[in-house]
Protein backbone atom coordinates (compact mmCIF):
# COMPACT_ATOMS: atom_id res chain seq x y z
CA MET A 1 84.71 79.53 -69.04
CA PRO A 2 85.83 76.06 -70.15
CA THR A 3 85.07 73.77 -68.10
CA ALA A 4 87.04 70.54 -67.02
CA LEU A 5 85.24 68.25 -69.06
CA SER A 6 85.96 70.21 -72.64
CA SER A 7 89.00 72.23 -71.84
CA PRO A 8 92.28 70.62 -72.88
CA ARG A 9 94.07 68.68 -70.88
CA PRO A 10 97.00 66.03 -70.24
CA ALA A 11 96.56 62.44 -70.45
CA VAL A 12 97.33 61.24 -67.11
CA ARG A 13 96.26 63.86 -64.50
CA SER A 14 97.09 64.03 -60.83
CA PRO A 15 94.81 63.73 -58.78
CA GLN A 16 96.24 66.74 -56.31
CA ALA A 17 95.74 68.88 -59.92
CA PRO A 18 93.83 72.44 -58.97
CA PRO A 19 90.24 71.99 -59.61
CA LEU A 20 88.65 73.84 -62.42
CA ASP A 21 85.06 75.01 -61.82
CA THR A 22 85.32 72.88 -59.05
CA CYS A 23 85.76 70.04 -60.96
CA TYR A 24 88.19 67.33 -59.61
CA GLN A 25 89.41 64.84 -62.50
CA VAL A 26 91.28 61.43 -61.13
CA GLU A 27 92.46 58.57 -63.20
CA THR A 28 92.28 55.09 -61.94
CA PRO A 29 95.01 52.39 -62.41
CA GLU A 30 92.55 50.94 -65.03
CA GLY A 31 92.68 53.78 -67.22
CA ILE A 32 89.66 55.60 -66.27
CA ASP A 33 89.20 59.06 -65.96
CA LEU A 34 87.15 60.16 -63.35
CA VAL A 35 85.07 63.93 -62.89
CA LEU A 36 84.26 64.65 -59.49
CA ARG A 37 82.32 67.28 -58.32
CA PRO A 38 83.35 68.31 -54.34
CA ALA A 39 80.82 69.88 -52.43
CA GLY A 40 81.54 73.13 -51.00
CA LEU A 41 80.96 73.96 -47.21
CA LEU A 42 77.41 74.79 -47.18
CA PRO A 43 75.94 71.83 -48.42
CA ARG A 44 78.53 69.43 -46.05
CA ALA A 45 77.62 72.13 -43.04
CA LEU A 46 73.64 71.31 -44.03
CA ALA A 47 74.24 67.83 -44.20
CA TYR A 48 76.10 67.57 -40.73
CA SER A 49 73.49 69.11 -39.28
CA ILE A 50 70.77 66.65 -40.54
CA ASP A 51 73.05 63.85 -39.09
CA LEU A 52 73.36 66.45 -35.63
CA LEU A 53 69.99 66.28 -35.40
CA ILE A 54 69.11 62.66 -35.88
CA ARG A 55 71.91 62.20 -33.10
CA GLY A 56 70.21 64.33 -30.73
CA ALA A 57 67.02 62.50 -31.13
CA ILE A 58 68.55 59.10 -30.96
CA LEU A 59 70.17 60.50 -27.63
CA LEU A 60 67.04 62.35 -26.26
CA LEU A 61 64.94 59.05 -26.88
CA MET A 62 67.60 56.93 -25.39
CA PHE A 63 67.94 58.47 -22.38
CA ILE A 64 64.60 58.85 -21.81
CA VAL A 65 64.16 54.47 -21.60
CA LEU A 66 67.16 54.52 -19.85
CA ALA A 67 65.65 57.05 -17.43
CA VAL A 68 63.85 53.52 -15.41
CA LEU A 69 66.82 52.01 -14.65
CA GLY A 70 68.47 55.15 -12.10
CA GLN A 71 72.58 55.71 -12.53
CA PHE A 72 72.92 52.12 -13.35
CA GLY A 73 71.07 53.42 -16.63
CA PHE A 74 72.60 56.95 -16.80
CA GLY A 75 75.86 55.33 -16.99
CA LEU A 76 75.02 53.09 -19.66
CA GLY A 77 73.62 56.31 -21.58
CA LEU A 78 77.26 57.58 -21.30
CA ILE A 79 78.85 55.13 -22.99
CA LEU A 80 76.28 54.43 -25.60
CA MET A 81 76.08 58.15 -26.05
CA PHE A 82 79.85 57.78 -26.13
CA LEU A 83 80.01 54.93 -29.23
CA LEU A 84 77.44 57.39 -31.34
CA ASN A 85 79.07 60.47 -31.44
CA TRP A 86 82.28 58.47 -32.32
CA TRP A 87 81.20 56.02 -34.97
CA TYR A 88 77.72 57.34 -35.89
CA MET A 89 79.26 58.84 -38.87
CA VAL A 90 82.34 56.02 -39.15
CA LEU A 91 79.45 53.18 -39.77
CA PHE A 92 77.03 54.98 -42.19
CA GLU A 93 80.43 56.21 -44.72
CA VAL A 94 81.97 52.75 -44.37
CA LEU A 95 78.56 50.54 -44.71
CA ASN A 96 76.68 52.67 -46.57
CA GLN A 97 79.05 54.41 -49.53
CA GLY A 98 79.99 56.93 -47.91
CA ARG A 99 76.75 58.58 -47.29
CA SER A 100 75.12 59.29 -43.60
CA PRO A 101 71.43 60.28 -43.35
CA GLY A 102 72.64 63.79 -43.44
CA LYS A 103 75.01 63.21 -47.09
CA GLN A 104 72.19 61.08 -48.28
CA VAL A 105 69.55 63.87 -47.85
CA MET A 106 72.00 66.05 -49.16
CA GLY A 107 73.04 63.80 -52.45
CA LEU A 108 76.23 63.67 -50.89
CA ARG A 109 79.56 61.12 -50.28
CA VAL A 110 82.76 60.74 -49.16
CA VAL A 111 85.50 58.73 -51.25
CA HIS A 112 89.21 58.61 -51.55
CA ASP A 113 90.90 60.87 -52.81
CA ASP A 114 91.30 58.50 -56.35
CA GLY A 115 87.51 57.90 -56.37
CA THR A 116 87.37 54.81 -54.38
CA PRO A 117 85.07 53.99 -51.94
CA ILE A 118 85.84 55.44 -48.31
CA GLY A 119 87.90 52.79 -45.95
CA TRP A 120 87.81 51.94 -42.83
CA ALA A 121 91.05 53.37 -42.22
CA ALA A 122 90.43 57.16 -43.56
CA SER A 123 86.97 57.09 -42.52
CA LEU A 124 88.75 56.88 -39.15
CA ILE A 125 90.77 59.45 -39.39
CA ARG A 126 88.47 61.88 -40.91
CA ASN A 127 85.86 61.40 -37.79
CA LEU A 128 88.70 61.56 -35.21
CA LEU A 129 90.37 64.83 -36.33
CA ARG A 130 86.58 66.14 -35.92
CA PHE A 131 88.44 67.40 -33.11
CA VAL A 132 90.59 70.05 -34.49
CA ASP A 133 88.53 71.21 -36.48
CA ILE A 134 86.32 72.10 -34.05
CA LEU A 135 88.34 74.52 -32.70
CA PRO A 136 89.39 76.89 -31.26
CA LEU A 137 84.81 77.12 -31.42
CA GLY A 138 82.24 76.69 -33.64
CA TYR A 139 84.53 74.86 -36.02
CA MET A 140 86.20 77.58 -37.33
CA LEU A 141 89.68 75.72 -38.46
CA GLY A 142 87.40 73.41 -40.13
CA ILE A 143 85.45 76.03 -42.55
CA LEU A 144 88.30 78.08 -42.91
CA SER A 145 90.29 75.19 -44.33
CA CYS A 146 87.05 73.96 -46.48
CA LEU A 147 86.74 77.81 -47.72
CA LEU A 148 91.28 78.04 -48.35
CA HIS A 149 91.33 74.64 -49.85
CA PRO A 150 90.90 74.35 -53.68
CA ALA A 151 88.34 71.07 -53.23
CA PHE A 152 87.16 72.17 -50.10
CA LYS A 153 89.14 69.57 -47.54
CA ARG A 154 88.80 70.05 -43.88
CA LEU A 155 91.70 69.31 -41.79
CA GLY A 156 90.62 65.92 -41.16
CA ASP A 157 90.17 65.19 -45.08
CA ILE A 158 93.37 66.56 -45.66
CA ALA A 159 94.96 63.59 -43.25
CA ALA A 160 92.90 60.80 -44.44
CA GLY A 161 93.24 61.61 -48.12
CA SER A 162 89.40 62.23 -48.39
CA LEU A 163 87.29 63.62 -50.89
CA VAL A 164 83.36 64.92 -50.19
CA ILE A 165 81.50 65.35 -53.72
CA TYR A 166 77.87 65.27 -55.56
CA ARG A 167 77.06 61.96 -56.00
CA ASP A 168 76.20 61.73 -59.69
CA GLU A 169 72.87 60.62 -60.07
CA LYS A 170 72.03 57.98 -62.93
CA PRO A 171 71.34 60.32 -66.35
CA VAL A 172 68.07 60.21 -67.85
CA ARG A 173 67.30 60.19 -71.70
CA PRO A 174 64.92 62.67 -72.36
CA ALA A 175 61.64 62.13 -73.99
CA LEU A 176 61.44 62.45 -77.18
CA PRO A 177 57.83 64.41 -78.90
CA ASP A 178 54.50 62.36 -79.12
CA VAL A 179 54.36 62.01 -82.73
CA PRO A 180 54.36 59.19 -85.54
CA PRO A 181 57.54 57.95 -86.35
CA GLU A 182 58.64 58.75 -90.15
CA GLN A 183 61.20 57.34 -92.30
CA ALA A 184 63.83 59.53 -93.42
CA PRO A 185 63.78 60.73 -97.49
CA PHE A 186 67.36 59.57 -97.58
CA PRO A 187 69.81 57.50 -95.64
CA LEU A 188 71.15 58.93 -92.75
CA THR A 189 75.04 58.93 -91.56
CA LEU A 190 75.60 57.96 -88.07
CA ALA A 191 76.68 61.82 -87.52
CA GLU A 192 72.73 63.18 -89.03
CA GLN A 193 71.18 60.34 -86.52
CA ARG A 194 72.57 61.80 -84.14
CA ALA A 195 71.95 65.24 -85.18
CA MET A 196 68.33 64.36 -85.82
CA LEU A 197 67.57 62.63 -81.73
CA SER A 198 69.64 65.44 -80.48
CA PHE A 199 67.25 68.33 -81.27
CA ALA A 200 64.42 65.52 -80.68
CA GLU A 201 65.88 65.37 -77.49
CA ARG A 202 66.62 69.23 -76.15
CA GLN A 203 62.67 70.31 -77.38
CA GLY A 204 62.86 71.62 -74.21
CA THR A 205 65.67 73.58 -73.53
CA LEU A 206 65.06 75.39 -77.12
CA SER A 207 62.81 78.30 -77.73
CA ALA A 208 60.28 77.86 -79.84
CA ALA A 209 62.50 80.57 -82.34
CA ARG A 210 65.45 78.37 -82.15
CA ARG A 211 64.02 75.35 -82.63
CA THR A 212 62.52 76.87 -86.30
CA GLU A 213 66.07 78.26 -86.79
CA LEU A 214 67.67 74.65 -86.38
CA ALA A 215 65.14 73.27 -88.21
CA SER A 216 64.79 75.59 -90.78
CA ILE A 217 68.64 74.40 -91.99
CA LEU A 218 67.82 70.96 -92.87
CA ALA A 219 64.60 72.21 -94.50
CA ILE A 220 65.80 71.85 -98.01
CA PRO A 221 67.12 68.02 -97.43
CA LEU A 222 64.13 66.83 -96.06
CA ASP A 223 62.05 68.75 -99.43
CA ALA A 224 59.82 70.20 -96.87
CA PRO A 225 58.72 73.42 -96.13
CA PRO A 226 60.74 75.52 -93.44
CA GLU A 227 57.49 75.40 -90.88
CA GLN A 228 57.06 71.85 -91.07
CA ALA A 229 60.56 71.05 -90.86
CA GLU A 230 60.55 70.50 -87.02
CA ALA A 231 57.73 68.46 -86.95
CA HIS A 232 59.70 66.31 -89.91
CA ILE A 233 62.33 66.06 -87.47
CA ASN A 234 60.83 64.79 -84.71
CA GLY A 235 59.35 61.97 -86.86
CA ILE A 236 62.09 61.01 -88.28
CA ALA A 237 63.87 60.63 -84.55
CA ARG A 238 61.26 58.91 -83.62
CA GLY A 239 61.75 56.40 -86.21
CA LEU A 240 65.08 56.34 -85.56
CA LEU A 241 64.30 54.80 -81.80
CA GLY A 242 61.46 53.01 -82.65
CA PRO A 243 57.55 53.68 -81.68
CA ALA A 244 57.62 52.30 -78.60
CA SER A 245 60.47 54.92 -77.32
CA THR A 246 60.24 57.55 -74.74
């Protein structure tokens, strides 16, 4: 199935358009296309469970410390428990780029529907409405909403206009084979240079037979025996980026 990145699409796509292959594409006011990957029910549940365990540990430690104050400590503990339950998620989401500790562990973050960072109002709405998602018990409404919504939104997300997505990791360029740099026997066009680099960078994802097959196609123009073409391509790719490139 074609992905949202490769499939044809209109120049402007509404944030409300149904996602394709769980990709959610929006266009910013600056005309920049963003492709967001909504997180499904399981990673979100795991992230929430981690946050629940952290809050439980904080509350346990807090009540143990406040126990020395007797009834006053118990009353103060209830106030702090209320503040922790209602502001834990909001503060982390707004001040930590949409990531609570649980979301950070699971590689998730919450944003507005248009991909912009979550704000105070939206975070408050999505977290205050958890009491609706919990109904009638065990987060039943929230689970049903996540399963039925094309972007896996619970009711709080729908009301707040928020979206929980996977956090994009910084891309890392694949390392080139550690071979001596070579110079191409003829001037290479930009497309040919890209093809050489692409072949060398994809070494780890190709079988030996596939590498030999692709390299043999360039054996004749490289003026090299087919069995040596792969080594020549790797050397030329190394030469294009320089001996210090990895």
